N, C-alpha and C. Protein backbone atom coordinates (compact mmCIF):
# COMPACT_ATOMS: atom_id res chain seq x y z
N MET A 1 -37.56 0.93 -8.48
CA MET A 1 -36.14 0.67 -8.29
C MET A 1 -35.30 1.83 -8.83
N LYS A 2 -35.72 2.37 -9.97
CA LYS A 2 -34.98 3.48 -10.56
C LYS A 2 -35.05 4.71 -9.66
N GLU A 3 -36.17 4.90 -9.00
CA GLU A 3 -36.31 6.06 -8.13
C GLU A 3 -35.35 6.00 -6.96
N ALA A 4 -35.18 4.80 -6.39
CA ALA A 4 -34.26 4.64 -5.27
C ALA A 4 -32.83 4.92 -5.70
N LEU A 5 -32.48 4.50 -6.89
CA LEU A 5 -31.14 4.75 -7.42
C LEU A 5 -30.91 6.25 -7.61
N ILE A 6 -31.90 6.93 -8.14
CA ILE A 6 -31.78 8.38 -8.35
C ILE A 6 -31.63 9.10 -7.03
N VAL A 7 -32.43 8.72 -6.03
CA VAL A 7 -32.34 9.34 -4.71
C VAL A 7 -30.98 9.09 -4.08
N ALA A 8 -30.45 7.88 -4.23
CA ALA A 8 -29.13 7.55 -3.68
C ALA A 8 -28.04 8.39 -4.35
N ILE A 9 -28.15 8.57 -5.65
CA ILE A 9 -27.15 9.37 -6.37
C ILE A 9 -27.21 10.83 -5.92
N VAL A 10 -28.40 11.36 -5.77
CA VAL A 10 -28.55 12.76 -5.38
C VAL A 10 -28.00 12.98 -3.97
N PHE A 11 -28.41 12.15 -3.02
CA PHE A 11 -27.92 12.33 -1.65
C PHE A 11 -26.44 11.99 -1.52
N GLY A 12 -25.96 11.07 -2.31
CA GLY A 12 -24.52 10.77 -2.32
C GLY A 12 -23.72 11.95 -2.82
N SER A 13 -24.27 12.64 -3.84
CA SER A 13 -23.56 13.81 -4.35
C SER A 13 -23.55 14.95 -3.34
N PHE A 14 -24.60 15.03 -2.49
CA PHE A 14 -24.61 16.04 -1.44
C PHE A 14 -23.47 15.84 -0.45
N VAL A 15 -23.04 14.62 -0.28
CA VAL A 15 -21.92 14.33 0.63
C VAL A 15 -20.60 14.40 -0.11
N LEU A 16 -20.55 13.89 -1.32
CA LEU A 16 -19.29 13.78 -2.06
C LEU A 16 -18.77 15.14 -2.54
N ILE A 17 -19.62 15.97 -3.06
CA ILE A 17 -19.17 17.25 -3.62
C ILE A 17 -18.53 18.16 -2.57
N PRO A 18 -19.14 18.37 -1.38
CA PRO A 18 -18.46 19.20 -0.37
C PRO A 18 -17.14 18.58 0.11
N ALA A 19 -17.08 17.25 0.17
CA ALA A 19 -15.84 16.61 0.59
C ALA A 19 -14.73 16.86 -0.42
N VAL A 20 -15.03 16.77 -1.70
CA VAL A 20 -14.02 17.01 -2.74
C VAL A 20 -13.59 18.47 -2.73
N ILE A 21 -14.54 19.37 -2.61
CA ILE A 21 -14.20 20.80 -2.58
C ILE A 21 -13.36 21.13 -1.35
N GLY A 22 -13.75 20.60 -0.19
CA GLY A 22 -12.98 20.85 1.03
C GLY A 22 -11.57 20.28 0.94
N GLY A 23 -11.44 19.08 0.41
CA GLY A 23 -10.12 18.48 0.25
C GLY A 23 -9.24 19.28 -0.69
N THR A 24 -9.83 19.79 -1.76
CA THR A 24 -9.07 20.61 -2.70
C THR A 24 -8.59 21.90 -2.04
N ILE A 25 -9.45 22.51 -1.26
CA ILE A 25 -9.06 23.74 -0.56
C ILE A 25 -7.95 23.47 0.45
N LEU A 26 -8.07 22.39 1.21
CA LEU A 26 -7.03 22.06 2.20
C LEU A 26 -5.69 21.75 1.53
N MET A 27 -5.71 21.01 0.42
CA MET A 27 -4.46 20.70 -0.28
C MET A 27 -3.82 21.96 -0.86
N SER A 28 -4.62 22.87 -1.39
CA SER A 28 -4.05 24.10 -1.94
C SER A 28 -3.45 24.97 -0.84
N ILE A 29 -4.08 25.01 0.33
CA ILE A 29 -3.52 25.76 1.46
C ILE A 29 -2.19 25.15 1.90
N LYS A 30 -2.14 23.83 1.97
CA LYS A 30 -0.91 23.15 2.37
C LYS A 30 0.21 23.40 1.37
N LEU A 31 -0.12 23.38 0.07
CA LEU A 31 0.90 23.65 -0.95
C LEU A 31 1.38 25.10 -0.88
N LEU A 32 0.49 26.02 -0.61
CA LEU A 32 0.88 27.42 -0.52
C LEU A 32 1.76 27.70 0.69
N LYS A 33 1.57 26.95 1.76
CA LYS A 33 2.38 27.15 2.97
C LYS A 33 3.75 26.50 2.85
N GLY A 34 3.99 25.73 1.83
CA GLY A 34 5.32 25.17 1.63
C GLY A 34 5.39 23.67 1.70
N GLY A 35 4.31 22.99 1.72
CA GLY A 35 4.34 21.53 1.73
C GLY A 35 4.78 20.98 3.07
N SER A 36 5.49 19.88 3.04
CA SER A 36 5.91 19.22 4.27
C SER A 36 7.24 19.79 4.76
N SER A 37 7.48 19.68 6.05
CA SER A 37 8.70 20.20 6.63
C SER A 37 9.84 19.20 6.45
N ARG A 38 11.05 19.65 6.76
CA ARG A 38 12.21 18.77 6.63
C ARG A 38 12.14 17.62 7.62
N LYS A 39 11.56 17.88 8.78
CA LYS A 39 11.43 16.83 9.78
C LYS A 39 10.53 15.72 9.26
N ASP A 40 9.44 16.09 8.61
CA ASP A 40 8.55 15.10 8.03
C ASP A 40 9.24 14.31 6.93
N GLN A 41 10.01 15.00 6.10
CA GLN A 41 10.73 14.33 5.02
C GLN A 41 11.77 13.37 5.56
N ALA A 42 12.47 13.77 6.63
CA ALA A 42 13.48 12.90 7.23
C ALA A 42 12.83 11.66 7.83
N GLU A 43 11.68 11.84 8.46
CA GLU A 43 10.97 10.71 9.05
C GLU A 43 10.46 9.76 7.96
N ASP A 44 9.96 10.33 6.86
CA ASP A 44 9.48 9.51 5.75
C ASP A 44 10.62 8.70 5.14
N SER A 45 11.78 9.33 4.95
CA SER A 45 12.90 8.59 4.36
C SER A 45 13.41 7.51 5.31
N LYS A 46 13.35 7.75 6.61
CA LYS A 46 13.77 6.74 7.58
C LYS A 46 12.82 5.53 7.51
N ILE A 47 11.53 5.79 7.41
CA ILE A 47 10.55 4.71 7.32
C ILE A 47 10.76 3.91 6.03
N ILE A 48 11.03 4.60 4.93
CA ILE A 48 11.26 3.90 3.66
C ILE A 48 12.51 3.04 3.74
N GLN A 49 13.56 3.53 4.38
CA GLN A 49 14.78 2.74 4.55
C GLN A 49 14.52 1.50 5.39
N GLU A 50 13.73 1.63 6.46
CA GLU A 50 13.41 0.47 7.30
C GLU A 50 12.61 -0.57 6.51
N ILE A 51 11.67 -0.10 5.70
CA ILE A 51 10.89 -1.02 4.88
C ILE A 51 11.80 -1.75 3.89
N TYR A 52 12.73 -1.02 3.27
CA TYR A 52 13.65 -1.63 2.30
C TYR A 52 14.53 -2.68 2.98
N GLN A 53 15.03 -2.37 4.17
CA GLN A 53 15.86 -3.33 4.89
C GLN A 53 15.06 -4.57 5.28
N GLY A 54 13.82 -4.37 5.71
CA GLY A 54 12.96 -5.49 6.06
C GLY A 54 12.67 -6.37 4.86
N LEU A 55 12.44 -5.76 3.71
CA LEU A 55 12.18 -6.54 2.50
C LEU A 55 13.42 -7.30 2.05
N SER A 56 14.59 -6.71 2.24
CA SER A 56 15.83 -7.41 1.88
C SER A 56 16.02 -8.64 2.76
N ARG A 57 15.75 -8.50 4.06
CA ARG A 57 15.86 -9.65 4.97
C ARG A 57 14.83 -10.72 4.61
N MET A 58 13.63 -10.29 4.23
CA MET A 58 12.59 -11.25 3.86
C MET A 58 12.99 -12.00 2.59
N GLU A 59 13.61 -11.31 1.64
CA GLU A 59 14.06 -11.95 0.41
C GLU A 59 15.10 -13.03 0.73
N ALA A 60 16.03 -12.72 1.64
CA ALA A 60 17.04 -13.71 2.03
C ALA A 60 16.39 -14.92 2.68
N ARG A 61 15.38 -14.71 3.51
CA ARG A 61 14.68 -15.82 4.15
C ARG A 61 13.97 -16.69 3.13
N VAL A 62 13.31 -16.06 2.16
CA VAL A 62 12.59 -16.82 1.13
C VAL A 62 13.57 -17.65 0.32
N GLU A 63 14.71 -17.08 -0.02
CA GLU A 63 15.72 -17.83 -0.76
C GLU A 63 16.22 -19.02 0.05
N ALA A 64 16.41 -18.84 1.36
CA ALA A 64 16.85 -19.95 2.20
C ALA A 64 15.78 -21.04 2.25
N LEU A 65 14.52 -20.65 2.36
CA LEU A 65 13.44 -21.64 2.37
C LEU A 65 13.34 -22.38 1.04
N GLU A 66 13.53 -21.67 -0.07
CA GLU A 66 13.52 -22.32 -1.37
C GLU A 66 14.64 -23.35 -1.47
N THR A 67 15.81 -23.00 -0.96
CA THR A 67 16.93 -23.92 -0.98
C THR A 67 16.62 -25.17 -0.16
N ILE A 68 16.05 -24.98 1.02
CA ILE A 68 15.70 -26.12 1.87
C ILE A 68 14.69 -27.02 1.16
N LEU A 69 13.67 -26.43 0.57
CA LEU A 69 12.64 -27.23 -0.11
C LEU A 69 13.20 -27.96 -1.31
N LEU A 70 14.06 -27.30 -2.08
CA LEU A 70 14.65 -27.97 -3.24
C LEU A 70 15.57 -29.11 -2.81
N ASP A 71 16.31 -28.92 -1.72
CA ASP A 71 17.18 -29.99 -1.22
C ASP A 71 16.35 -31.18 -0.76
N GLN A 72 15.21 -30.93 -0.14
CA GLN A 72 14.35 -32.03 0.31
C GLN A 72 13.78 -32.77 -0.88
N ASP A 73 13.44 -32.08 -1.94
CA ASP A 73 12.91 -32.73 -3.14
C ASP A 73 13.97 -33.61 -3.79
N LYS A 74 15.22 -33.18 -3.78
CA LYS A 74 16.29 -33.98 -4.37
C LYS A 74 16.56 -35.23 -3.56
N LYS A 75 16.38 -35.18 -2.24
CA LYS A 75 16.66 -36.32 -1.37
C LYS A 75 15.54 -37.35 -1.42
N ASP A 76 14.33 -36.98 -1.76
CA ASP A 76 13.18 -37.88 -1.76
C ASP A 76 12.73 -38.19 -3.19
N PRO A 77 13.36 -39.14 -3.87
CA PRO A 77 12.92 -39.49 -5.22
C PRO A 77 11.64 -40.33 -5.21
N LYS A 78 11.22 -40.85 -4.02
CA LYS A 78 10.01 -41.67 -3.93
C LYS A 78 8.75 -40.89 -4.28
N ASP A 79 8.76 -39.61 -3.97
CA ASP A 79 7.55 -38.80 -4.10
C ASP A 79 7.45 -38.13 -5.47
N GLU A 80 7.83 -38.86 -6.52
CA GLU A 80 7.76 -38.28 -7.85
C GLU A 80 6.32 -38.16 -8.31
N LYS A 81 6.00 -37.08 -8.97
CA LYS A 81 4.67 -36.86 -9.48
C LYS A 81 4.63 -37.29 -10.95
N ILE A 82 3.54 -37.93 -11.32
CA ILE A 82 3.42 -38.41 -12.70
C ILE A 82 2.43 -37.57 -13.45
């Protein structure tokens, strides 16, 4: 069992080490070229704004549902939990 674990670690490192080195090289090249463009930044900020607006609408819906549920609980005193 120990031998299989050692073989898995060795062959896993053969895959992992070149991937890490390649990723590091690609990231350094991207940073040297100036990072992301203004168009990419504008698109990212637009997506973040849409997510924020969607979350705000979802919060309002959850609050409305909480109000409905609390009103139903107040109207039904029969279903009291002991």
